[in-house]
């Protein structure tokens, strides 16, 4: 019998990992995680509003920043979602597709970046680890604005590294840095620091020329950044808001600029290190709490990789020789500088740091397998990570999926969707019901919402809505004044309040719809 040999070259390994990344990002995307988070619901509704009504939910045309519930949301995710919503309608799949796609872009460009700096072997390790770690899988299946940031930053990093080969790449690098500013507001701190440090290193090593390409890049970056600079001037009261039929720069009811600064950097640093050490921020939708952000066994490799990166950086600086590994160090340093200025830090607020943690893991694994004299140890490490991935995937689609469905109120959404499709009555929503979810699930007409919405605490960073045309929000049911002409959506704990009233009740798990036929 002939011996069959399966040889996996680097190209085949790349394709296998890419297929795995696509599977982990797209399989059952519209159904798992169950329900929809209020952030992605509002991001989707804003895209739907701009597509069909020409304005966001506050009446602004082409805003540079979304007002949403008062404290705002970065706008790029919603703009990128518009084509998918136009094609598939407004639903959890169409809202999540943007992030699923850019999570694959992240995998590809991080591979290209590390291949350019550290070689093919390390690049395949970083691609493999990034593909299977819980952080990327969770991020790729949740459609919120900040989750775009890692992909746009890594694309900018890649083109900055390519500047060493060809200065024309500075244009693409600056464009992606500019676009990243529309991914998440905390990047307004990070990008200037990171870009300045990278440029200083390139200039000192004579790797970049101040030529026409640099001028074009600087102009494009300026054009992308200026609207957000004006936005900040508006928020701090230097100028009034700008509202035109072409572009809008809104004044937010509540600006959260106070969430960043230098007032509490020691405590912020402590919280950041604790989050990385524990691989959790205690928010179930960000970190599963069982496997860790990068798997718990990765802590050893993160520490080892950090030591390797620091040694390579300072060795090159001491020898005064140019080394692209310094780019990894600069990026990590800049992100830590960003982190110490962010209060109440969590996995999302500083999600770009996780890309660097994965790079450290890959650097360490490559070094470890080259220097530890154990035959085929690299296969053992890969097998351990594959086993962890398989276990996490099983957990993600079963127990974790059920937990997230509860956090995202899937039963409430089922109740609202059924009511909207079957009962033609005004609605009273009772209890913990976020109005963004109602707007999303019912595709409520934006023009009607803008005209009829009643905010109870305007202006405020977290606007509370008492109702809009045909919809009322109540904290509890007034049992003595039940409105039989309206349908109620409430917790099943309120069922006894409708006893002997002749009201029909339809249950959806822990939520129900009560209406008089």
Foldseek 3Di string as FASTA:
>chain_A
DDDDDDDQDLVNLVVVLLVLLLCLQPPCLQPPLHFAALQLLQLLLQLLCCLPPQGGLQRFHAECWAQRQFQTFQNPLSVVLNVLCVVPNQGLCSLLPVLLVLLSLLLVLQLLQCCLAPNSQLSSQLSNLSSQFQQSSLLSSHRHLLSNLQSLQSQLSSLLSCLLVPVLSLQVNLLSLLVSCSRGVLSVQQSVQLVVVSVVLCVVVVSHDPDPSVVNSVVNNCVSCVLVVVLVCCQVPVDPWDGDSHYTRHHGLDHVPVQFDQPQLVVLLVLVVVCQLQLFLPDCSRAVNPQHRSGNVLVVLLVQLVVVLVVVLVVCVVVVHDHCSVSLVSSLVSLSVSRSGGPSDGCSSSVNNVSSSSSSSSSSLVVCVVPDPDPPVNVVVSVVSVVSSVVVVVCSVPVSSVVSNVVSVSLLLVALLCCLVPPDFQEEEEAPDDVSSSCSSNVPNSVQSNVFWDWPDGSDNRTDTQAGVSYGYYHDDPLVDDDQRYKYKYFCVCVVSCPPVCWDWDGRVRIIITHHD
